[in-house]
Amino acid sequence: MPPAVVLVTGVSRWLGGALAAELAADPAIDRVIGVDTVPPAPEVLRRLGRTEFVRADIRSPLIGKVIESASVDTVVHMNISATPAGAGGRVSMKELNVIGTMQLLAACQRSPAVRRLVLKSTSAVYGASSRDPAVFTETMQARRVPGGGFAKDSLDIEGYVRAFARRRPDVGVAVLRFTNLIGPRIDSLLSGFLRMPVVPTALGHDARLQLLHEDDAVAVLTRAATGDFVGTVNVGASGTLLLSQAIRRLGRVALPLPEPAMGSLGRTTRWARLVDWSPEQMRFLNFGRVIDTRVLREEFGYTPRYSTAETLADYGRSLTPVVRAELVDDVTASARSVLGSVAGGVHAVQGVVDSVAGRRRSAAPSVPGLRAVRDA
């Protein structure tokens, strides 16, 4: 049975607004209420359709009045900030993420009308380290627990949601652990990082990337809000790319730096308002992260339309390359040709050496005593 009244937090951001618009276009849903602390931009507001926007802070008790007065039966929580600068600093970010979630869950617990809760979480809860497995399943935990920032907030939020599920077993709870989102319209951390003409990388590291297209993210959230899946699910596209491959395919220039310098660079880019990366997110650029998506396909019932490579290619169409792909291909082909020639020359020289050595061995006199000593 489809929901009657859906409340979406974080509706002023692209993903929250896109989800609200998708739900509002469904005639089976009576009302869609969008909540955020700031009003949506004009282009987002036009896309919201019949969504009712309410300017409210989930950290205040007002959110409980909104849920109770509208008889909300489905809550999709997406108002979780990944950037301290965007949230007004680390203290405000933690208050919005953790305290805001606690207030929202308290309001949901008091309302008997609420029967479904969807949390947009992140695969960052698995951390990033050199001890990580090849892929993370939903039952695994971080080998190195995140010490702060967005990843730590997300771990705390998931803990509060599990406690809420124990207190309200009648509410169906779905936790969606998204991998890195990217696309031509969404403004995500990774898209901002890869948009820079010169992309810094950690010397000696080449992180594995698993992406998710913005359209697939909206489709998964819509299915979670209107469906009956209960539990935790990893959400990511098929396939992986190395960070170096992604930089090259987007026509950017990689700048390898010593690993200790990456932390200083993160602070510099945050100060310059270029990219707001936390230390935990900078670690991701060293090691990357890959998640298993069997539950998504087989139990949740959704297969992403875009693979990781296709997602990156679609995002790349919105960028002007710094280095033309044709130039990269020409340089790569030339390098392979040179290496092939060198390898061929080495094999030829080795063949001559082996041939001369063979002739010398066959021409050497046979010494029975020496042969006996060798055999002994």
Protein backbone atom coordinates (compact mmCIF):
# COMPACT_ATOMS: atom_id res chain seq x y z
CA MET A 1 0.00 0.00 0.00
CA PRO A 2 1.52 3.38 -0.99
CA PRO A 3 2.06 6.01 1.71
CA ALA A 4 -0.56 8.71 2.22
CA VAL A 5 1.57 11.54 3.62
CA VAL A 6 5.36 11.63 3.13
CA LEU A 7 7.72 14.02 4.87
CA VAL A 8 11.16 14.60 3.29
CA THR A 9 13.89 16.42 5.21
CA GLY A 10 16.68 18.30 3.44
CA VAL A 11 14.40 19.19 0.55
CA SER A 12 16.34 22.34 -0.42
CA ARG A 13 19.27 20.27 -1.66
CA TRP A 14 19.24 18.74 -5.11
CA LEU A 15 18.70 15.12 -4.04
CA GLY A 16 16.00 15.92 -1.48
CA GLY A 17 14.20 18.16 -3.95
CA ALA A 18 14.42 15.55 -6.72
CA LEU A 19 12.96 12.89 -4.41
CA ALA A 20 10.12 15.18 -3.27
CA ALA A 21 9.31 16.01 -6.90
CA GLU A 22 9.25 12.32 -7.82
CA LEU A 23 6.91 11.49 -4.93
CA ALA A 24 4.69 14.50 -5.68
CA ALA A 25 4.24 13.22 -9.24
CA ASP A 26 2.72 10.00 -7.88
CA PRO A 27 -1.10 10.41 -7.76
CA ALA A 28 -1.36 7.58 -5.22
CA ILE A 29 0.33 9.78 -2.58
CA ASP A 30 -1.99 12.34 -1.02
CA ARG A 31 0.57 14.83 0.32
CA VAL A 32 4.31 15.42 0.16
CA ILE A 33 5.81 17.76 2.76
CA GLY A 34 9.32 19.11 2.29
CA VAL A 35 11.22 20.40 5.32
CA ASP A 36 14.46 22.37 5.47
CA THR A 37 16.04 25.23 7.38
CA VAL A 38 16.44 27.34 4.24
CA PRO A 39 13.98 27.79 1.36
CA PRO A 40 14.76 26.00 -1.91
CA ALA A 41 16.35 27.87 -4.79
CA PRO A 42 13.85 29.07 -7.42
CA GLU A 43 14.76 26.29 -9.87
CA VAL A 44 14.35 23.66 -7.13
CA LEU A 45 11.06 25.20 -5.99
CA ARG A 46 9.65 25.01 -9.52
CA ARG A 47 10.57 21.35 -9.74
CA LEU A 48 8.87 20.47 -6.43
CA GLY A 49 5.39 20.53 -8.01
CA ARG A 50 2.68 20.07 -5.41
CA THR A 51 5.18 19.51 -2.59
CA GLU A 52 4.31 21.63 0.46
CA PHE A 53 7.44 23.34 1.73
CA VAL A 54 7.73 23.99 5.48
CA ARG A 55 10.65 26.02 6.76
CA ALA A 56 11.56 24.25 9.96
CA ASP A 57 14.67 23.14 11.82
CA ILE A 58 14.65 19.44 12.73
CA ARG A 59 16.66 20.37 15.83
CA SER A 60 13.62 22.14 17.29
CA PRO A 61 10.41 20.59 18.69
CA LEU A 62 8.52 22.23 15.80
CA ILE A 63 9.24 19.19 13.63
CA GLY A 64 7.09 17.11 15.98
CA LYS A 65 4.15 19.46 15.46
CA VAL A 66 4.54 19.19 11.68
CA ILE A 67 4.51 15.38 11.80
CA GLU A 68 1.57 15.23 14.21
CA SER A 69 -0.64 17.87 12.56
CA ALA A 70 -0.18 16.42 9.05
CA SER A 71 -0.58 12.78 10.17
CA VAL A 72 2.67 11.88 8.42
CA ASP A 73 2.99 8.12 7.91
CA THR A 74 6.35 8.00 6.06
CA VAL A 75 9.49 9.97 6.90
CA VAL A 76 12.53 10.13 4.63
CA HIS A 77 15.47 11.61 6.52
CA MET A 78 18.02 13.22 4.19
CA ASN A 79 19.00 16.38 6.07
CA ILE A 80 22.48 15.15 6.98
CA SER A 81 25.36 17.46 6.14
CA ALA A 82 28.70 16.12 4.89
CA THR A 83 30.53 19.46 4.89
CA PRO A 84 31.33 21.59 7.96
CA ALA A 85 31.43 24.79 5.90
CA GLY A 86 28.01 24.11 4.42
CA ALA A 87 26.56 23.56 7.90
CA GLY A 88 28.18 26.60 9.51
CA GLY A 89 31.15 24.85 11.10
CA ARG A 90 31.83 21.47 12.67
CA VAL A 91 29.82 22.23 15.84
CA SER A 92 26.73 23.26 13.86
CA MET A 93 27.23 20.30 11.53
CA LYS A 94 27.20 17.84 14.44
CA GLU A 95 24.16 19.50 15.96
CA LEU A 96 22.27 19.31 12.67
CA ASN A 97 23.28 15.71 12.00
CA VAL A 98 23.10 14.09 15.42
CA ILE A 99 20.88 16.33 17.55
CA GLY A 100 18.56 16.95 14.59
CA THR A 101 18.19 13.22 14.00
CA MET A 102 17.46 12.60 17.68
CA GLN A 103 14.70 15.24 17.63
CA LEU A 104 13.25 13.79 14.44
CA LEU A 105 13.24 10.25 15.84
CA ALA A 106 11.63 11.45 19.08
CA ALA A 107 8.86 13.08 17.04
CA CYS A 108 8.38 9.90 15.02
CA GLN A 109 8.24 7.82 18.19
CA ARG A 110 5.48 9.99 19.66
CA SER A 111 3.36 9.90 16.51
CA PRO A 112 1.19 6.78 16.16
CA ALA A 113 0.61 7.60 12.48
CA VAL A 114 4.24 7.02 11.47
CA ARG A 115 4.67 3.53 10.03
CA ARG A 116 7.79 3.89 7.88
CA LEU A 117 11.19 5.56 8.24
CA VAL A 118 13.85 5.76 5.52
CA LEU A 119 17.36 6.95 6.39
CA LYS A 120 19.77 8.10 3.71
CA SER A 121 23.05 6.95 5.16
CA THR A 122 26.47 6.48 3.61
CA SER A 123 29.04 3.77 2.95
CA ALA A 124 31.52 6.05 4.77
CA VAL A 125 30.46 4.20 7.95
CA TYR A 126 32.78 1.40 6.78
CA GLY A 127 35.76 3.76 7.01
CA ALA A 128 38.80 3.58 4.75
CA SER A 129 42.10 1.90 5.61
CA SER A 130 44.78 -0.38 4.25
CA ARG A 131 43.20 -3.31 6.13
CA ASP A 132 39.84 -3.08 4.36
CA PRO A 133 38.43 -6.17 2.64
CA ALA A 134 37.94 -6.28 -1.12
CA VAL A 135 34.23 -5.48 -0.65
CA PHE A 136 32.09 -4.54 2.35
CA THR A 137 28.81 -6.34 2.97
CA GLU A 138 26.02 -4.96 5.14
CA THR A 139 27.03 -7.20 8.06
CA MET A 140 30.62 -5.91 8.20
CA GLN A 141 32.00 -3.13 10.34
CA ALA A 142 34.80 -0.65 9.79
CA ARG A 143 38.30 -2.07 10.21
CA ARG A 144 39.30 1.40 11.37
CA VAL A 145 36.38 3.18 13.02
CA PRO A 146 36.00 6.78 11.74
CA GLY A 147 37.19 9.19 14.37
CA GLY A 148 35.16 12.23 13.43
CA GLY A 149 33.33 14.23 10.82
CA PHE A 150 30.59 13.04 8.51
CA ALA A 151 31.45 9.34 8.84
CA LYS A 152 31.36 9.43 12.66
CA ASP A 153 28.07 11.36 12.61
CA SER A 154 26.60 8.75 10.25
CA LEU A 155 27.66 5.92 12.58
CA ASP A 156 25.99 7.66 15.52
CA ILE A 157 22.84 8.34 13.47
CA GLU A 158 22.55 4.69 12.43
CA GLY A 159 22.86 3.71 16.09
CA TYR A 160 19.99 6.01 17.08
CA VAL A 161 17.87 4.66 14.21
CA ARG A 162 18.45 1.05 15.35
CA ALA A 163 17.41 2.04 18.88
CA PHE A 164 14.28 3.67 17.46
CA ALA A 165 13.46 0.48 15.54
CA ARG A 166 13.65 -1.50 18.79
CA ARG A 167 11.31 0.93 20.55
CA ARG A 168 8.87 1.05 17.64
CA PRO A 169 8.87 -2.43 16.07
CA ASP A 170 5.65 -1.52 14.24
CA VAL A 171 7.59 0.99 12.08
CA GLY A 172 9.36 -0.36 9.01
CA VAL A 173 12.90 1.07 8.96
CA ALA A 174 15.15 1.09 5.88
CA VAL A 175 18.77 2.28 6.06
CA LEU A 176 20.35 3.06 2.69
CA ARG A 177 24.15 3.19 2.66
CA PHE A 178 24.96 5.14 -0.48
CA THR A 179 28.35 5.11 -2.10
CA ASN A 180 29.67 8.34 -3.65
CA LEU A 181 26.99 10.16 -5.67
CA ILE A 182 27.91 11.94 -8.87
CA GLY A 183 26.16 13.33 -11.91
CA PRO A 184 25.77 16.40 -14.11
CA ARG A 185 23.26 18.09 -11.77
CA ILE A 186 24.05 17.05 -8.20
CA ASP A 187 26.76 18.93 -6.31
CA SER A 188 28.49 16.26 -4.26
CA LEU A 189 31.85 16.16 -2.50
CA LEU A 190 33.40 13.88 -5.10
CA SER A 191 32.09 15.87 -8.06
CA GLY A 192 33.57 19.03 -6.57
CA PHE A 193 36.89 17.28 -6.04
CA LEU A 194 37.05 15.91 -9.59
CA ARG A 195 35.96 19.24 -11.02
CA MET A 196 39.27 20.86 -10.09
CA PRO A 197 41.63 21.24 -13.07
CA VAL A 198 44.53 19.81 -11.04
CA VAL A 199 43.46 16.92 -8.80
CA PRO A 200 45.77 16.10 -5.87
CA THR A 201 46.40 12.42 -5.14
CA ALA A 202 48.35 10.61 -2.44
CA LEU A 203 51.74 9.47 -3.71
CA GLY A 204 51.90 5.68 -3.78
CA HIS A 205 48.11 5.25 -3.50
CA ASP A 206 45.42 4.74 -6.12
CA ALA A 207 42.00 4.58 -4.48
CA ARG A 208 39.25 2.31 -5.80
CA LEU A 209 36.08 4.23 -6.62
CA GLN A 210 32.55 2.87 -6.80
CA LEU A 211 30.05 5.49 -7.88
CA LEU A 212 26.28 5.92 -8.08
CA HIS A 213 24.46 8.03 -10.64
CA GLU A 214 22.14 10.74 -9.32
CA ASP A 215 19.17 9.27 -11.23
CA ASP A 216 19.73 5.85 -9.65
CA ALA A 217 19.92 7.50 -6.21
CA VAL A 218 16.51 9.13 -6.73
CA ALA A 219 15.03 5.84 -7.98
CA VAL A 220 16.32 3.93 -4.92
CA LEU A 221 15.00 6.54 -2.49
CA THR A 222 11.60 6.54 -4.21
CA ARG A 223 11.40 2.77 -4.05
CA ALA A 224 12.41 2.78 -0.39
CA ALA A 225 9.77 5.41 0.50
CA THR A 226 6.93 3.66 -1.32
CA GLY A 227 7.97 0.02 -0.83
CA ASP A 228 8.16 -2.33 2.12
CA PHE A 229 11.87 -3.20 2.36
CA VAL A 230 13.11 -3.34 5.95
CA GLY A 231 16.78 -3.50 6.89
CA THR A 232 20.12 -2.13 5.75
CA VAL A 233 21.20 -2.10 2.11
CA ASN A 234 24.36 -1.00 0.32
CA VAL A 235 23.58 1.18 -2.69
CA GLY A 236 26.16 1.47 -5.46
CA ALA A 237 26.67 0.88 -9.16
CA SER A 238 28.38 -2.13 -10.68
CA GLY A 239 32.09 -2.03 -11.41
CA THR A 240 34.92 0.07 -10.04
CA LEU A 241 37.50 2.55 -11.30
CA LEU A 242 40.84 3.63 -9.95
CA LEU A 243 41.14 7.29 -8.99
CA SER A 244 43.86 7.71 -11.60
CA GLN A 245 41.54 6.32 -14.28
CA ALA A 246 38.74 8.68 -13.25
CA ILE A 247 41.05 11.70 -13.38
CA ARG A 248 42.37 10.69 -16.79
CA ARG A 249 38.91 10.02 -18.26
CA LEU A 250 37.66 13.41 -17.11
CA GLY A 251 40.59 15.17 -18.75
CA ARG A 252 42.01 16.42 -15.46
CA VAL A 253 45.66 16.57 -14.36
CA ALA A 254 46.75 14.45 -11.40
CA LEU A 255 49.14 15.98 -8.86
CA PRO A 256 50.75 13.23 -6.71
CA LEU A 257 51.68 14.51 -3.25
CA PRO A 258 53.25 12.83 -0.21
CA GLU A 259 50.56 11.40 2.04
CA PRO A 260 51.25 13.78 4.98
CA ALA A 261 50.71 16.72 2.64
CA MET A 262 47.16 15.61 1.86
CA GLY A 263 45.98 16.71 5.30
CA SER A 264 47.46 20.18 4.84
CA LEU A 265 45.96 20.34 1.39
CA GLY A 266 42.53 19.48 2.81
CA ARG A 267 42.76 22.36 5.26
CA THR A 268 43.89 24.69 2.47
CA THR A 269 41.05 23.75 0.11
CA ARG A 270 38.52 24.18 2.93
CA TRP A 271 39.95 27.61 3.76
CA ALA A 272 39.84 28.61 0.08
CA ARG A 273 36.29 27.18 -0.24
CA LEU A 274 37.35 24.95 -3.12
CA VAL A 275 36.56 21.52 -1.65
CA ASP A 276 35.35 20.93 1.91
CA TRP A 277 37.03 17.59 2.65
CA SER A 278 37.44 16.29 6.19
CA PRO A 279 40.46 14.19 7.30
CA GLU A 280 38.33 11.03 7.12
CA GLN A 281 37.31 11.86 3.58
CA MET A 282 40.92 12.53 2.66
CA ARG A 283 41.70 8.99 3.84
CA PHE A 284 39.13 7.78 1.36
CA LEU A 285 41.22 9.33 -1.40
CA ASN A 286 44.11 7.10 -0.28
CA PHE A 287 42.36 3.75 -0.06
CA GLY A 288 38.92 4.06 -1.61
CA ARG A 289 36.03 1.77 -0.76
CA VAL A 290 33.95 -0.88 -2.55
CA ILE A 291 30.62 -2.28 -1.32
CA ASP A 292 28.76 -5.46 -2.15
CA THR A 293 25.36 -4.80 -3.81
CA ARG A 294 23.79 -8.26 -3.79
CA VAL A 295 21.11 -7.22 -1.27
CA LEU A 296 20.26 -4.19 -3.42
CA ARG A 297 19.66 -6.33 -6.50
CA GLU A 298 18.18 -9.49 -5.01
CA GLU A 299 16.29 -8.39 -1.88
CA PHE A 300 15.63 -4.69 -2.36
CA GLY A 301 14.80 -5.37 -6.00
CA TYR A 302 16.69 -2.63 -7.84
CA THR A 303 19.54 -2.82 -10.35
CA PRO A 304 21.20 0.54 -11.11
CA ARG A 305 20.82 1.69 -14.72
CA TYR A 306 24.34 3.14 -14.83
CA SER A 307 27.59 1.33 -14.10
CA THR A 308 30.43 3.15 -12.37
CA ALA A 309 32.14 3.83 -15.72
CA GLU A 310 28.89 5.05 -17.30
CA THR A 311 28.18 7.26 -14.29
CA LEU A 312 31.58 8.92 -14.59
CA ALA A 313 31.14 9.35 -18.35
CA ASP A 314 27.77 11.07 -17.88
CA TYR A 315 29.27 13.41 -15.30
CA GLY A 316 32.20 14.09 -17.63
CA ARG A 317 29.88 15.49 -20.28
CA SER A 318 29.23 18.46 -18.01
CA LEU A 319 32.94 19.31 -17.74
CA THR A 320 35.38 21.01 -20.07
CA PRO A 321 38.49 18.81 -20.09
CA VAL A 322 41.81 20.38 -19.16
CA VAL A 323 43.61 17.73 -21.17
CA ARG A 324 41.87 16.38 -24.25
CA ALA A 325 41.08 12.67 -24.15
CA GLU A 326 42.63 12.28 -27.61
CA LEU A 327 45.92 13.66 -26.28
CA VAL A 328 45.82 11.24 -23.36
CA ASP A 329 45.14 8.35 -25.74
CA ASP A 330 47.99 9.44 -28.06
CA VAL A 331 50.45 9.72 -25.18
CA THR A 332 49.33 6.36 -23.79
CA ALA A 333 49.65 4.71 -27.19
CA SER A 334 53.11 6.24 -27.73
CA ALA A 335 54.24 5.10 -24.28
CA ARG A 336 53.00 1.58 -24.96
CA SER A 337 54.76 1.59 -28.33
CA VAL A 338 58.04 2.69 -26.74
CA LEU A 339 57.72 0.12 -23.97
CA GLY A 340 56.90 -2.54 -26.54
CA SER A 341 59.97 -1.61 -28.59
CA VAL A 342 62.16 -1.65 -25.50
CA ALA A 343 60.73 -4.99 -24.43
CA GLY A 344 61.26 -6.36 -27.94
CA GLY A 345 64.86 -5.16 -27.95
CA VAL A 346 65.49 -6.72 -24.55
CA HIS A 347 64.08 -10.06 -25.77
CA ALA A 348 66.24 -9.86 -28.90
CA VAL A 349 69.40 -9.15 -26.91
CA GLN A 350 68.51 -11.91 -24.46
CA GLY A 351 68.07 -14.30 -27.40
CA VAL A 352 71.52 -13.45 -28.76
CA VAL A 353 73.08 -13.88 -25.33
CA ASP A 354 71.38 -17.25 -24.85
CA SER A 355 72.47 -18.36 -28.31
CA VAL A 356 76.13 -17.44 -27.70
CA ALA A 357 76.07 -19.07 -24.29
CA GLY A 358 74.61 -22.22 -25.82
CA ARG A 359 77.32 -22.40 -28.46
CA ARG A 360 80.00 -21.91 -25.83
CA ARG A 361 78.61 -24.72 -23.70
CA SER A 362 78.48 -27.09 -26.67
CA ALA A 363 82.06 -26.20 -27.68
CA ALA A 364 83.49 -26.68 -24.18
CA PRO A 365 85.61 -29.93 -23.76
CA SER A 366 84.10 -32.69 -21.73
CA VAL A 367 86.03 -33.39 -18.53
CA PRO A 368 84.94 -36.67 -16.88
CA GLY A 369 86.46 -35.77 -13.52
CA LEU A 370 84.71 -32.38 -13.47
CA ARG A 371 81.41 -34.02 -14.42
CA ALA A 372 81.80 -36.46 -11.53
CA VAL A 373 82.44 -33.60 -9.13
CA ARG A 374 79.32 -31.74 -10.39
CA ASP A 375 77.18 -34.87 -10.06
CA ALA A 376 78.44 -35.38 -6.54
